[in-house]
């Protein structure tokens, strides 16, 4: 017997029993985003490596350690996308979508990072992104945060919102000088990653996950003291707008986000129900990214959520995927009955478009009925000798009390249409 081929470590199959929750999240997102006027875009899984080096930043962990990068047969360096924002901006520039235009877009799909697999952090993971390109107004920052808050409410999960402002590149330059001075005087206390980042990107030291660095980071200068007045006013407006619609938040002065392209507003939705991987949804403003990738100066803001983490939270909150059984499970006894049921099933699907119907496999009557019950179906549709002789069908409720009834086809259509959906 041939050896079984195992999946790649950290790249997981999503099995049918899990798919119900995935479909629920995806449908909730699509409906909500459409209500706010965001349109879907799909970008390739593979991009040129330079896209992520220029957008995410050379000194980020993603670029330095985590990207799946390889040379193709033409010698081009390609990378499996580790995040989607840069790809969305690239797509807009490649297709001329930002010429004196504003765009509200969203996308979903798999991302790839080579890191140690653990709960909520996989090598292939899935993100949902929402982005507003060409929008400078603080109302759009607030709108995107409110959309995420509405999504949590819809999915029945609880999280808390942390926010900060990173200011403009100019204000951050002054802040970086202060950090270099502070950490430079304490160089002997820095770990290897922090020493490497000290001269080129000292703000990344604030994002250190090393517990030994915690006290040192806590005493570092605070970015809020170096903000320009325009960024400060922008942030105050975002906070006011959120307070006006009762979206609670905490200002976290150490929140800097892990990607280099962020400016001004940054935020994270976090939960203490998932252990160390507490951030479920993160985002902010990235006003310089479009010009960084070859376009004109374009203000932008967006966020991304990790689907696996949202689904973990839903399970913690009590979601089990819901009732995913079919509406009708067909029990046919005998070859003639099975032939009759095949055409009857197709006629039912045509007349009741929302109906979910499963044809059971052959077997004895009791075995088929057990399988019908195990499937989670609401009704068993039974056809045997008696039904064939009468030219009718038997309907047996499986999820509630009720007697088995002999009905004709039109009666069945009316009943299913009333309980499942409209008829044609």
Foldseek 3Di string as FASTA:
>chain_A
DDDDDDDDFQDDDQDPLNVLLVVVLVVLVVVLLVVVPAEEDDFDQKDQLVLCCLWQHCLFCQNPPWWDWDADPVRTIMTGAQDCPSRVLVVCVVVVVVPVDKHKYKYKDWHATDDDDDQLDGRIFMKIKIKIKQDDALVVVLVQVVSVVVSCVVLVFDWAKEKEFQADPVLVVVLLVQLLVLVVVVVVQDDPSCVVCNPPHNLVLLVDPDPSCVVVSVPGDFSVVRHDPVLVVSVVVSVVVCVVVPRDHHYDRSDDDRGDQAGRMWMFIFDPPRPPPTTFKIWHKRQCNSVSVPHDRMTMIMMMGTSSVSSVRSVVSPDSSPQPFFQEEEAEADDVRLVVVVVLVVVLCQFQVQGGYHYFDDDDRVVSVVVNLVRSYQWYWYDYPVCVVVQWIWIDGNPDDDDIDTGHSVVVSVVCCVVGHHTD
